[in-house]
Amino acid sequence: MPLLPKPSRPDFLGFLALVAILAVMLGAYLVFPHLQAAMGYQDCIASGRVTGC
């Protein structure tokens, strides 16, 4: 009787890596404007202008 190969499971590692990379890119796209605004506010305060920031 010949030995039958074990049935292989589908490999999802590549798909999960792609999803993780896309999730990081989407998160950066959504978070970057908020970080930029916060840093701009800190720069305005640091320049000595307390009002008008």
PDB file of N, CA and C in Angstrom:
ATOM      1  N   MET A   1       0.859  -1.178   0.000  1.00  0.00           N
ATOM      2  CA  MET A   1       0.000   0.000   0.000  1.00  0.00           C
ATOM      3  C   MET A   1       0.904   1.240   0.000  1.00  0.00           C
ATOM      4  N   PRO A   2       0.733   2.135  -0.973  1.00  0.00           N
ATOM      5  CA  PRO A   2       1.578   3.340  -1.020  1.00  0.00           C
ATOM      6  C   PRO A   2       1.155   4.346   0.046  1.00  0.00           C
ATOM      7  N   LEU A   3       2.144   5.113   0.513  1.00  0.00           N
ATOM      8  CA  LEU A   3       1.854   6.127   1.522  1.00  0.00           C
ATOM      9  C   LEU A   3       1.238   7.347   0.841  1.00  0.00           C
ATOM     10  N   LEU A   4       0.155   7.800   1.373  1.00  0.00           N
ATOM     11  CA  LEU A   4      -0.516   8.972   0.816  1.00  0.00           C
ATOM     12  C   LEU A   4       0.031  10.233   1.478  1.00  0.00           C
ATOM     13  N   PRO A   5       0.236  11.286   0.698  1.00  0.00           N
ATOM     14  CA  PRO A   5       0.721  12.525   1.327  1.00  0.00           C
ATOM     15  C   PRO A   5      -0.341  13.114   2.242  1.00  0.00           C
ATOM     16  N   LYS A   6       0.146  13.763   3.283  1.00  0.00           N
ATOM     17  CA  LYS A   6      -0.781  14.398   4.217  1.00  0.00           C
ATOM     18  C   LYS A   6      -1.480  15.557   3.510  1.00  0.00           C
ATOM     19  N   PRO A   7      -2.768  15.700   3.746  1.00  0.00           N
ATOM     20  CA  PRO A   7      -3.443  16.859   3.147  1.00  0.00           C
ATOM     21  C   PRO A   7      -2.903  18.147   3.771  1.00  0.00           C
ATOM     22  N   SER A   8      -2.531  19.085   2.929  1.00  0.00           N
ATOM     23  CA  SER A   8      -1.943  20.327   3.449  1.00  0.00           C
ATOM     24  C   SER A   8      -3.021  21.380   3.651  1.00  0.00           C
ATOM     25  N   ARG A   9      -2.793  22.169   4.676  1.00  0.00           N
ATOM     26  CA  ARG A   9      -3.708  23.276   4.943  1.00  0.00           C
ATOM     27  C   ARG A   9      -3.293  24.460   4.078  1.00  0.00           C
ATOM     28  N   PRO A  10      -4.205  25.328   3.741  1.00  0.00           N
ATOM     29  CA  PRO A  10      -3.813  26.527   2.986  1.00  0.00           C
ATOM     30  C   PRO A  10      -2.920  27.425   3.841  1.00  0.00           C
ATOM     31  N   ASP A  11      -1.956  28.058   3.205  1.00  0.00           N
ATOM     32  CA  ASP A  11      -1.005  28.916   3.905  1.00  0.00           C
ATOM     33  C   ASP A  11      -1.516  30.354   3.862  1.00  0.00           C
ATOM     34  N   PHE A  12      -1.876  30.877   5.010  1.00  0.00           N
ATOM     35  CA  PHE A  12      -2.434  32.223   5.093  1.00  0.00           C
ATOM     36  C   PHE A  12      -1.409  33.255   5.547  1.00  0.00           C
ATOM     37  N   LEU A  13      -0.152  32.877   5.685  1.00  0.00           N
ATOM     38  CA  LEU A  13       0.855  33.790   6.205  1.00  0.00           C
ATOM     39  C   LEU A  13       1.033  35.004   5.291  1.00  0.00           C
ATOM     40  N   GLY A  14       1.101  34.784   3.994  1.00  0.00           N
ATOM     41  CA  GLY A  14       1.239  35.898   3.056  1.00  0.00           C
ATOM     42  C   GLY A  14       0.051  36.838   3.110  1.00  0.00           C
ATOM     43  N   PHE A  15      -1.140  36.272   3.176  1.00  0.00           N
ATOM     44  CA  PHE A  15      -2.347  37.088   3.256  1.00  0.00           C
ATOM     45  C   PHE A  15      -2.394  37.892   4.548  1.00  0.00           C
ATOM     46  N   LEU A  16      -2.018  37.268   5.664  1.00  0.00           N
ATOM     47  CA  LEU A  16      -2.016  37.977   6.946  1.00  0.00           C
ATOM     48  C   LEU A  16      -0.968  39.091   6.965  1.00  0.00           C
ATOM     49  N   ALA A  17       0.170  38.859   6.335  1.00  0.00           N
ATOM     50  CA  ALA A  17       1.186  39.898   6.258  1.00  0.00           C
ATOM     51  C   ALA A  17       0.689  41.076   5.440  1.00  0.00           C
ATOM     52  N   LEU A  18       0.026  40.800   4.333  1.00  0.00           N
ATOM     53  CA  LEU A  18      -0.534  41.870   3.501  1.00  0.00           C
ATOM     54  C   LEU A  18      -1.582  42.669   4.270  1.00  0.00           C
ATOM     55  N   VAL A  19      -2.444  41.985   4.993  1.00  0.00           N
ATOM     56  CA  VAL A  19      -3.476  42.660   5.787  1.00  0.00           C
ATOM     57  C   VAL A  19      -2.836  43.511   6.875  1.00  0.00           C
ATOM     58  N   ALA A  20      -1.791  43.006   7.522  1.00  0.00           N
ATOM     59  CA  ALA A  20      -1.119  43.771   8.569  1.00  0.00           C
ATOM     60  C   ALA A  20      -0.466  45.027   7.995  1.00  0.00           C
ATOM     61  N   ILE A  21       0.185  44.909   6.843  1.00  0.00           N
ATOM     62  CA  ILE A  21       0.823  46.068   6.217  1.00  0.00           C
ATOM     63  C   ILE A  21      -0.223  47.106   5.819  1.00  0.00           C
ATOM     64  N   LEU A  22      -1.320  46.656   5.236  1.00  0.00           N
ATOM     65  CA  LEU A  22      -2.386  47.593   4.855  1.00  0.00           C
ATOM     66  C   LEU A  22      -3.019  48.251   6.080  1.00  0.00           C
ATOM     67  N   ALA A  23      -3.159  47.513   7.175  1.00  0.00           N
ATOM     68  CA  ALA A  23      -3.730  48.080   8.393  1.00  0.00           C
ATOM     69  C   ALA A  23      -2.812  49.154   8.974  1.00  0.00           C
ATOM     70  N   VAL A  24      -1.507  48.917   8.950  1.00  0.00           N
ATOM     71  CA  VAL A  24      -0.560  49.919   9.441  1.00  0.00           C
ATOM     72  C   VAL A  24      -0.605  51.164   8.565  1.00  0.00           C
ATOM     73  N   MET A  25      -0.664  50.977   7.250  1.00  0.00           N
ATOM     74  CA  MET A  25      -0.718  52.126   6.340  1.00  0.00           C
ATOM     75  C   MET A  25      -2.013  52.924   6.532  1.00  0.00           C
ATOM     76  N   LEU A  26      -3.128  52.245   6.700  1.00  0.00           N
ATOM     77  CA  LEU A  26      -4.398  52.933   6.924  1.00  0.00           C
ATOM     78  C   LEU A  26      -4.393  53.660   8.260  1.00  0.00           C
ATOM     79  N   GLY A  27      -3.853  53.032   9.287  1.00  0.00           N
ATOM     80  CA  GLY A  27      -3.758  53.687  10.593  1.00  0.00           C
ATOM     81  C   GLY A  27      -2.896  54.932  10.531  1.00  0.00           C
ATOM     82  N   ALA A  28      -1.777  54.853   9.832  1.00  0.00           N
ATOM     83  CA  ALA A  28      -0.911  56.022   9.690  1.00  0.00           C
ATOM     84  C   ALA A  28      -1.616  57.130   8.925  1.00  0.00           C
ATOM     85  N   TYR A  29      -2.374  56.761   7.902  1.00  0.00           N
ATOM     86  CA  TYR A  29      -3.112  57.742   7.104  1.00  0.00           C
ATOM     87  C   TYR A  29      -4.158  58.464   7.962  1.00  0.00           C
ATOM     88  N   LEU A  30      -4.790  57.746   8.873  1.00  0.00           N
ATOM     89  CA  LEU A  30      -5.828  58.346   9.704  1.00  0.00           C
ATOM     90  C   LEU A  30      -5.258  59.121  10.891  1.00  0.00           C
ATOM     91  N   VAL A  31      -4.126  58.694  11.430  1.00  0.00           N
ATOM     92  CA  VAL A  31      -3.573  59.302  12.634  1.00  0.00           C
ATOM     93  C   VAL A  31      -2.659  60.492  12.314  1.00  0.00           C
ATOM     94  N   PHE A  32      -2.000  60.487  11.161  1.00  0.00           N
ATOM     95  CA  PHE A  32      -1.019  61.517  10.843  1.00  0.00           C
ATOM     96  C   PHE A  32      -1.571  62.937  10.920  1.00  0.00           C
ATOM     97  N   PRO A  33      -2.760  63.262  10.386  1.00  0.00           N
ATOM     98  CA  PRO A  33      -3.248  64.641  10.495  1.00  0.00           C
ATOM     99  C   PRO A  33      -3.410  65.124  11.944  1.00  0.00           C
ATOM    100  N   HIS A  34      -3.813  64.229  12.834  1.00  0.00           N
ATOM    101  CA  HIS A  34      -3.975  64.611  14.238  1.00  0.00           C
ATOM    102  C   HIS A  34      -2.619  64.888  14.887  1.00  0.00           C
ATOM    103  N   LEU A  35      -1.641  64.055  14.584  1.00  0.00           N
ATOM    104  CA  LEU A  35      -0.302  64.279  15.118  1.00  0.00           C
ATOM    105  C   LEU A  35       0.301  65.563  14.559  1.00  0.00           C
ATOM    106  N   GLN A  36       0.068  65.823  13.281  1.00  0.00           N
ATOM    107  CA  GLN A  36       0.587  67.037  12.672  1.00  0.00           C
ATOM    108  C   GLN A  36      -0.034  68.273  13.313  1.00  0.00           C
ATOM    109  N   ALA A  37      -1.330  68.240  13.586  1.00  0.00           N
ATOM    110  CA  ALA A  37      -1.988  69.370  14.228  1.00  0.00           C
ATOM    111  C   ALA A  37      -1.466  69.576  15.653  1.00  0.00           C
ATOM    112  N   ALA A  38      -1.274  68.496  16.382  1.00  0.00           N
ATOM    113  CA  ALA A  38      -0.766  68.605  17.751  1.00  0.00           C
ATOM    114  C   ALA A  38       0.650  69.172  17.761  1.00  0.00           C
ATOM    115  N   MET A  39       1.477  68.725  16.832  1.00  0.00           N
ATOM    116  CA  MET A  39       2.852  69.234  16.771  1.00  0.00           C
ATOM    117  C   MET A  39       2.873  70.699  16.346  1.00  0.00           C
ATOM    118  N   GLY A  40       1.989  71.083  15.439  1.00  0.00           N
ATOM    119  CA  GLY A  40       1.893  72.482  15.038  1.00  0.00           C
ATOM    120  C   GLY A  40       1.463  73.367  16.194  1.00  0.00           C
ATOM    121  N   TYR A  41       0.550  72.875  17.005  1.00  0.00           N
ATOM    122  CA  TYR A  41       0.108  73.623  18.178  1.00  0.00           C
ATOM    123  C   TYR A  41       1.259  73.785  19.170  1.00  0.00           C
ATOM    124  N   GLN A  42       2.016  72.716  19.390  1.00  0.00           N
ATOM    125  CA  GLN A  42       3.155  72.792  20.303  1.00  0.00           C
ATOM    126  C   GLN A  42       4.209  73.770  19.771  1.00  0.00           C
ATOM    127  N   ASP A  43       4.426  73.792  18.461  1.00  0.00           N
ATOM    128  CA  ASP A  43       5.379  74.736  17.876  1.00  0.00           C
ATOM    129  C   ASP A  43       4.905  76.161  18.047  1.00  0.00           C
ATOM    130  N   CYS A  44       3.599  76.387  17.918  1.00  0.00           N
ATOM    131  CA  CYS A  44       3.057  77.722  18.079  1.00  0.00           C
ATOM    132  C   CYS A  44       3.241  78.181  19.519  1.00  0.00           C
ATOM    133  N   ILE A  45       2.954  77.322  20.481  1.00  0.00           N
ATOM    134  CA  ILE A  45       3.119  77.672  21.889  1.00  0.00           C
ATOM    135  C   ILE A  45       4.604  77.918  22.193  1.00  0.00           C
ATOM    136  N   ALA A  46       5.485  77.088  21.634  1.00  0.00           N
ATOM    137  CA  ALA A  46       6.906  77.203  21.900  1.00  0.00           C
ATOM    138  C   ALA A  46       7.489  78.484  21.316  1.00  0.00           C
ATOM    139  N   SER A  47       6.862  79.039  20.285  1.00  0.00           N
ATOM    140  CA  SER A  47       7.366  80.267  19.677  1.00  0.00           C
ATOM    141  C   SER A  47       7.004  81.493  20.509  1.00  0.00           C
ATOM    142  N   GLY A  48       6.179  81.306  21.543  1.00  0.00           N
ATOM    143  CA  GLY A  48       5.852  82.411  22.438  1.00  0.00           C
ATOM    144  C   GLY A  48       4.490  83.024  22.184  1.00  0.00           C
ATOM    145  N   ARG A  49       3.806  82.571  21.174  1.00  0.00           N
ATOM    146  CA  ARG A  49       2.453  83.093  20.900  1.00  0.00           C
ATOM    147  C   ARG A  49       1.453  82.249  21.662  1.00  0.00           C
ATOM    148  N   VAL A  50       0.971  82.762  22.752  1.00  0.00           N
ATOM    149  CA  VAL A  50       0.030  81.994  23.561  1.00  0.00           C
ATOM    150  C   VAL A  50      -1.378  82.114  22.960  1.00  0.00           C
ATOM    151  N   THR A  51      -1.692  83.266  22.405  1.00  0.00           N
ATOM    152  CA  THR A  51      -3.005  83.438  21.788  1.00  0.00           C
ATOM    153  C   THR A  51      -2.859  83.308  20.270  1.00  0.00           C
ATOM    154  N   GLY A  52      -3.889  82.912  19.620  1.00  0.00           N
ATOM    155  CA  GLY A  52      -3.896  82.793  18.170  1.00  0.00           C
ATOM    156  C   GLY A  52      -3.324  81.489  17.654  1.00  0.00           C
ATOM    157  N   CYS A  53      -3.193  80.493  18.485  1.00  0.00           N
ATOM    158  CA  CYS A  53      -2.646  79.211  18.009  1.00  0.00           C
ATOM    159  C   CYS A  53      -3.751  78.308  17.542  1.00  0.00           C
TER     160      CYS A  53
END
